[in-house]
Structures are given as structure tokens and as C-alpha cells.
Protein backbone atom coordinates (compact mmCIF):
# COMPACT_ATOMS: atom_id res chain seq x y z
CA MET A 1 5.26 32.10 -37.05
CA LYS A 2 5.89 28.59 -38.29
CA MET A 3 7.67 25.50 -37.06
CA ILE A 4 9.43 23.20 -39.49
CA VAL A 5 9.42 19.46 -39.10
CA GLY A 6 12.99 18.27 -38.91
CA VAL A 7 14.53 15.44 -40.88
CA GLY A 8 16.14 12.57 -38.94
CA GLU A 9 16.40 13.34 -35.25
CA MET A 10 13.15 14.58 -33.77
CA ASN A 11 13.18 17.85 -31.87
CA ILE A 12 10.84 18.41 -28.94
CA VAL A 13 10.37 21.44 -26.67
CA VAL A 14 8.72 21.13 -23.27
CA CYS A 15 7.63 24.34 -21.55
CA VAL A 16 7.93 24.37 -17.76
CA LYS A 17 7.27 26.88 -15.01
CA GLU A 18 8.41 27.43 -11.44
CA ILE A 19 5.63 27.88 -8.89
CA PRO A 20 5.32 28.12 -5.10
CA ASP A 21 5.37 24.69 -3.51
CA PRO A 22 1.69 23.56 -3.50
CA GLU A 23 2.38 21.64 -0.28
CA MET A 24 2.87 24.91 1.61
CA PRO A 25 -0.10 25.84 3.81
CA ALA A 26 -2.11 28.86 2.65
CA SER A 27 -1.49 30.53 6.01
CA VAL A 28 2.17 31.22 5.15
CA PHE A 29 1.31 33.41 2.14
CA SER A 30 0.78 37.15 2.23
CA ILE A 31 -0.24 39.70 -0.39
CA ASP A 32 1.52 42.91 -1.42
CA PRO A 33 -1.56 45.02 -2.33
CA GLU A 34 0.44 47.71 -4.12
CA LYS A 35 2.37 45.34 -6.38
CA ARG A 36 -0.65 42.98 -6.52
CA ARG A 37 1.62 40.00 -5.95
CA ALA A 38 1.73 37.05 -3.58
CA VAL A 39 4.70 37.19 -1.20
CA LEU A 40 6.38 33.93 -0.28
CA PRO A 41 7.84 33.46 3.19
CA ALA A 42 11.61 33.64 3.47
CA GLY A 43 13.44 30.40 2.88
CA ARG A 44 10.68 28.78 0.82
CA LYS A 45 11.80 27.48 -2.57
CA MET A 46 9.95 27.45 -5.86
CA VAL A 47 9.32 24.10 -7.53
CA ILE A 48 8.37 22.85 -10.97
CA SER A 49 4.65 22.93 -11.71
CA ASP A 50 3.20 19.45 -11.21
CA TYR A 51 1.51 19.40 -14.62
CA ASP A 52 4.68 20.63 -16.34
CA GLU A 53 6.71 17.84 -14.73
CA ARG A 54 4.27 15.38 -16.27
CA ALA A 55 4.70 17.12 -19.63
CA VAL A 56 8.42 16.40 -19.29
CA GLU A 57 7.65 12.77 -18.48
CA ALA A 58 5.43 12.51 -21.58
CA VAL A 59 8.21 13.53 -23.98
CA LEU A 60 10.86 11.46 -22.18
CA ARG A 61 8.71 8.39 -22.81
CA ILE A 62 8.95 9.24 -26.51
CA LYS A 63 12.71 9.62 -26.11
CA ASP A 64 12.83 6.17 -24.48
CA THR A 65 11.61 4.58 -27.72
CA GLN A 66 13.13 6.69 -30.53
CA GLU A 67 15.87 9.16 -31.33
CA CYS A 68 14.95 12.70 -30.37
CA ARG A 69 16.33 15.78 -28.68
CA VAL A 70 14.37 17.41 -25.87
CA THR A 71 14.79 21.06 -24.87
CA ALA A 72 13.28 22.37 -21.63
CA LEU A 73 12.10 25.99 -21.89
CA SER A 74 11.10 28.24 -19.00
CA MET A 75 10.31 31.91 -18.46
CA GLY A 76 11.09 33.34 -15.04
CA GLY A 77 13.72 34.68 -12.70
CA SER A 78 17.13 33.24 -11.95
CA SER A 79 15.57 30.74 -9.53
CA ALA A 80 13.93 29.02 -12.52
CA ILE A 81 17.39 27.63 -13.36
CA GLU A 82 16.83 25.04 -10.62
CA VAL A 83 13.63 23.92 -12.32
CA LEU A 84 15.47 23.58 -15.62
CA ARG A 85 18.25 21.59 -13.96
CA HIS A 86 15.58 19.27 -12.61
CA CYS A 87 14.34 18.74 -16.18
CA LEU A 88 17.90 18.02 -17.31
CA SER A 89 18.32 15.49 -14.51
CA MET A 90 15.13 13.75 -15.63
CA GLY A 91 16.57 13.32 -19.11
CA CYS A 92 16.15 16.51 -21.17
CA ASP A 93 19.12 17.34 -23.40
CA ASP A 94 19.11 21.15 -23.38
CA ALA A 95 17.59 23.98 -21.40
CA VAL A 96 16.78 27.62 -22.16
CA LEU A 97 15.76 30.26 -19.60
CA LEU A 98 13.87 33.38 -20.72
CA SER A 99 14.70 35.92 -18.04
CA ASP A 100 14.23 39.68 -18.15
CA PRO A 101 12.43 42.30 -16.01
CA LEU A 102 10.14 42.90 -19.00
CA PHE A 103 8.98 39.28 -18.78
CA LEU A 104 7.95 39.51 -15.12
CA ASP A 105 4.28 39.51 -14.09
CA SER A 106 3.22 38.74 -17.64
CA ASP A 107 -0.33 37.83 -18.54
CA SER A 108 -1.09 34.65 -20.48
CA PHE A 109 -0.84 36.39 -23.86
CA VAL A 110 2.65 37.80 -23.21
CA THR A 111 3.83 34.49 -21.75
CA ALA A 112 2.56 32.54 -24.76
CA SER A 113 4.05 35.10 -27.17
CA VAL A 114 7.51 35.02 -25.58
CA LEU A 115 7.55 31.20 -25.40
CA ALA A 116 6.37 30.92 -29.02
CA ALA A 117 9.09 33.34 -30.16
CA ALA A 118 11.68 31.32 -28.23
CA ILE A 119 10.50 28.09 -29.86
CA ASN A 120 10.95 29.70 -33.28
CA LYS A 121 14.42 30.90 -32.22
CA ILE A 122 15.40 27.39 -31.14
CA GLY A 123 14.88 26.25 -34.73
CA HIS A 124 12.96 23.39 -36.26
CA VAL A 125 10.68 21.81 -33.70
CA ASP A 126 8.41 18.82 -34.25
CA LEU A 127 6.47 18.73 -31.00
CA VAL A 128 5.80 21.07 -28.07
CA THR A 129 4.33 19.97 -24.75
CA CYS A 130 3.09 22.00 -21.77
CA GLY A 131 1.22 21.27 -18.59
CA VAL A 132 -2.54 21.32 -19.03
CA GLU A 133 -2.68 24.39 -16.77
CA GLU A 134 -0.52 26.45 -14.45
CA GLY A 135 -0.01 24.89 -11.08
CA GLU A 136 -0.85 28.06 -9.14
CA TRP A 137 -3.31 30.14 -11.22
CA ASP A 138 -5.05 27.25 -13.00
CA GLU A 139 -5.79 29.35 -16.08
CA GLY A 140 -4.82 26.80 -18.73
CA GLN A 141 -4.41 29.40 -21.50
CA VAL A 142 -0.70 29.45 -22.31
CA GLY A 143 -0.45 26.11 -24.14
CA ALA A 144 -3.33 26.84 -26.50
CA GLY A 145 -1.97 30.36 -26.98
CA ILE A 146 1.43 29.05 -28.08
CA ALA A 147 -0.23 26.71 -30.58
CA GLU A 148 -2.33 29.56 -31.99
CA LEU A 149 0.74 31.78 -32.42
CA LEU A 150 2.75 28.96 -34.02
CA LYS A 151 -0.27 27.98 -36.17
CA VAL A 152 -0.04 24.29 -35.26
CA PRO A 153 -2.67 21.78 -34.07
CA CYS A 154 -3.30 21.73 -30.32
CA VAL A 155 -4.59 18.75 -28.33
CA THR A 156 -5.41 19.32 -24.66
CA ALA A 157 -5.62 17.11 -21.55
CA VAL A 158 -3.42 14.43 -23.10
CA ALA A 159 -2.76 11.20 -21.20
CA ASP A 160 -0.47 9.47 -23.74
CA ILE A 161 1.61 10.54 -26.75
CA LYS A 162 2.98 8.33 -29.52
CA ILE A 163 4.75 9.30 -32.73
CA SER A 164 3.70 7.56 -35.94
CA GLY A 165 5.78 8.74 -38.89
CA ASP A 166 4.98 12.38 -39.55
CA ARG A 167 1.94 12.28 -37.27
CA VAL A 168 1.34 12.17 -33.54
CA VAL A 169 -1.32 10.00 -31.91
CA MET A 170 -2.62 11.19 -28.55
CA ASN A 171 -4.95 9.64 -26.04
CA ARG A 172 -6.85 12.39 -24.25
CA VAL A 173 -9.26 12.67 -21.38
CA VAL A 174 -12.85 13.76 -22.07
CA GLU A 175 -15.84 14.16 -19.77
CA ASP A 176 -17.20 10.65 -20.28
CA GLY A 177 -14.00 8.70 -20.95
CA ARG A 178 -11.07 8.84 -23.38
CA GLU A 179 -10.64 9.59 -27.06
CA VAL A 180 -7.79 9.05 -29.51
CA VAL A 181 -6.73 12.04 -31.61
CA GLU A 182 -4.25 11.95 -34.52
CA VAL A 183 -2.78 15.17 -35.95
CA PRO A 184 0.11 15.99 -38.30
CA LEU A 185 3.43 17.24 -36.99
CA PRO A 186 4.38 19.83 -35.91
CA ALA A 187 1.86 19.95 -33.07
CA LEU A 188 1.38 20.97 -29.45
CA ALA A 189 -0.02 18.93 -26.58
CA THR A 190 -1.00 19.94 -23.06
CA VAL A 191 -0.49 17.12 -20.56
CA GLY A 192 -2.57 16.32 -17.47
CA SER A 193 -1.97 14.21 -14.39
CA GLU A 194 -3.59 11.19 -16.09
CA ILE A 195 -0.28 10.43 -17.78
CA GLY A 196 1.01 9.08 -14.46
CA GLU A 197 3.84 9.79 -12.07
CA PRO A 198 7.04 11.40 -13.44
CA ARG A 199 10.30 9.47 -13.20
CA TYR A 200 12.88 10.00 -10.48
CA SER A 201 16.29 11.47 -11.23
CA SER A 202 19.31 9.35 -10.42
CA VAL A 203 22.27 10.79 -8.51
CA ARG A 204 24.40 10.50 -11.66
CA LYS A 205 21.84 12.41 -13.72
CA ILE A 206 21.59 15.12 -11.07
CA ARG A 207 25.37 15.58 -11.12
CA GLU A 208 25.42 15.70 -14.91
CA ALA A 209 22.63 18.29 -14.91
CA MET A 210 24.63 20.55 -12.58
CA ARG A 211 27.46 20.66 -15.11
CA LYS A 212 25.32 21.44 -18.16
CA GLU A 213 25.14 24.96 -19.55
CA ILE A 214 21.74 26.64 -19.55
CA ARG A 215 21.25 29.29 -22.21
CA VAL A 216 19.66 32.53 -20.99
CA TRP A 217 17.74 34.79 -23.38
CA SER A 218 16.50 38.26 -22.52
CA SER A 219 14.47 41.00 -24.21
CA ASP A 220 17.55 41.60 -26.36
CA ASP A 221 16.76 38.24 -27.97
CA ILE A 222 12.96 38.33 -27.78
CA THR A 223 10.82 41.46 -27.55
CA PRO A 224 7.66 40.88 -25.50
CA PRO A 225 4.36 42.35 -26.74
CA LYS A 226 2.18 44.67 -24.69
CA GLN A 227 0.06 43.01 -22.03
CA ARG A 228 -3.65 42.66 -22.78
CA ASN A 229 -4.83 42.02 -19.24
CA GLU A 230 -4.49 44.22 -16.17
CA MET A 231 -4.82 42.86 -12.66
CA LEU A 232 -6.96 45.33 -10.75
CA ALA A 233 -6.68 43.78 -7.32
CA LEU A 234 -5.23 40.77 -5.53
CA PHE A 235 -6.33 40.04 -1.98
CA ILE A 236 -6.98 37.36 0.58
CA PRO A 237 -10.76 37.13 1.16
CA ALA A 238 -11.81 38.32 4.60
CA ARG A 239 -13.49 35.73 6.78
CA ARG A 240 -16.69 36.81 8.45
CA GLU A 241 -18.12 35.35 11.60
CA VAL A 242 -21.43 33.70 10.78
CA ALA A 243 -24.23 33.76 13.33
CA CYS A 244 -26.04 30.48 13.72
CA GLU A 245 -29.60 30.35 15.07
CA PHE A 246 -31.18 27.18 16.39
CA PHE A 247 -34.94 26.61 16.35
CA GLU A 248 -36.39 24.62 19.21
CA GLY A 249 -39.55 22.55 19.08
CA GLU A 250 -41.23 19.43 20.38
CA THR A 251 -41.36 17.84 16.89
CA ALA A 252 -39.52 18.10 13.59
CA GLU A 253 -42.63 19.68 12.05
CA GLU A 254 -42.69 22.41 14.70
CA LYS A 255 -39.00 23.19 14.10
CA ALA A 256 -39.60 23.30 10.34
CA VAL A 257 -42.47 25.77 10.75
CA LYS A 258 -40.29 28.10 12.85
CA LEU A 259 -37.51 27.86 10.30
CA ALA A 260 -39.90 28.68 7.46
CA GLU A 261 -41.28 31.68 9.33
CA ALA A 262 -37.77 33.02 9.99
CA LEU A 263 -36.78 32.60 6.33
CA ARG A 264 -40.00 34.35 5.23
CA ALA A 265 -39.35 37.22 7.64
CA ALA A 266 -35.86 37.60 6.18
CA LYS A 267 -37.43 37.58 2.68
CA LEU A 268 -35.36 34.56 1.68
CA ILE A 269 -38.43 32.57 0.65
């Protein structure tokens, strides 16, 4: 698969995902052990992944300074339309939803493959951005997988993106600071929280987003590959009551001796 750098207007795709609201307390979740799936409580809505929202912000900052067209791309159920409308209200121009029963419960390889195929179907694309990792599973594999399938450079944990001619200059976070990376277009970047807070949507933009058409593609348009990973089990860890033993003594040294003797008896030291 190959992306083609466009002439004139720049074309950018930002991949976004709907996730359970991270502000929900863990106590409201339950697990379906047979389907190996987390079950959300009734009435709770899905939201855009925090990292993905920042990926949208990163490309909209490019759009603020030069002519480009931004397409938001998501794979999920019909509820993901609300996430795409949020992207449109932020300033994206188009939106595409990849929705099909065959796409559900996909592993990272299938997700990356379907998104990469959709990017190729969109047409010539100069830049792709994703969140640095999924907001709920924290795997961080899909962005790099898309880049590998499209055979384009991938820069991760990006905090700033600037276009310079036919190249893209990115400031990224490393363990001991920041580094500046320059790669040729087309390219892919995964964006972290270091890029800053995403912009708010105005009431006018929200109304405009509600009127925009969102294209929906299914397995008739894109055939997903076979999954490579199998989830064997998904469960909430059981909490065990822990017995706590106190050692009495006249001095700290006496208490320490009793503790050492107990640890030796338990063969822990």
C-alpha cells in the first residue's frame, strides 16, 4: 500500500476512537466472561479517546496556518458517529465511519489493516495522525501498524507538528527531554498529551457538524484480515483480605528481631 503526496491542497487523515468515559468509576463496569468484553452500565455514553482528541488538535493547528483538508476516520459502531461529529465541530472537513460486525472486537493488527485500507481508499494523503495509544487498553500499537502497512515514516509521542515544504518537522518527547525529527511526506505521527489542551467547539460549529454527511464504509468496501491475537480471558481481579501481624517489643531492635524471625520461619528470607 502506498500514499501519494498531493499537489496544492494538503490532505490529512486523523484516526479517532470512541472509548468508555475515563471519568467513570471502575465500580460501574462489569465483565461478560463468555464474550470476554467489558459491559458498560446503561445510559453511559462513549467519548472520544483523550489522545485522539489531541491528534485532532495537532492537525487543526496545521490547518490554522495553511490550506489543507482534514478527514476524521473512525472504526466502531453507530455510536462512533457522535465522536466523528465532535471532530467535525472542532474543525475537521470530512468524516468516515468504518462500521461492520466483522470489524468488532478486532485486535490491533486488524484495526490497523482496516484503517490503512480506508486511508488508501480516501485517496492521496500527505499526513496521518493518531493518538499515541488507545485511551482504554493503552496498547499503542495501531498507529505504528498503520505506518508499517502504508510504508511511510512513523514518529511517535509527538508534541508539535509543522509542515516545511514536502517534509514534516516534529518535536517529540523522549525520556530525558525533547528531540526534533524531520521526515519526508507522506508520514504518520502519534500524538501525546504534551501537545496541550484541544480547542473547544463553538455552538455554530456544533450545529454545522450536525448537518454534515458522514460516509459509512463496511466490509463491502474493505475486507478485514484474519485476527492474529486471541483473548483467552477477561476478568476483574479478585481482592483478597490480607492478614496483618504486629510485632510488639520494648525497643525497635526487639521488634526488628521478631520480624526477622517470622520472615525466616515463613522462608521469605
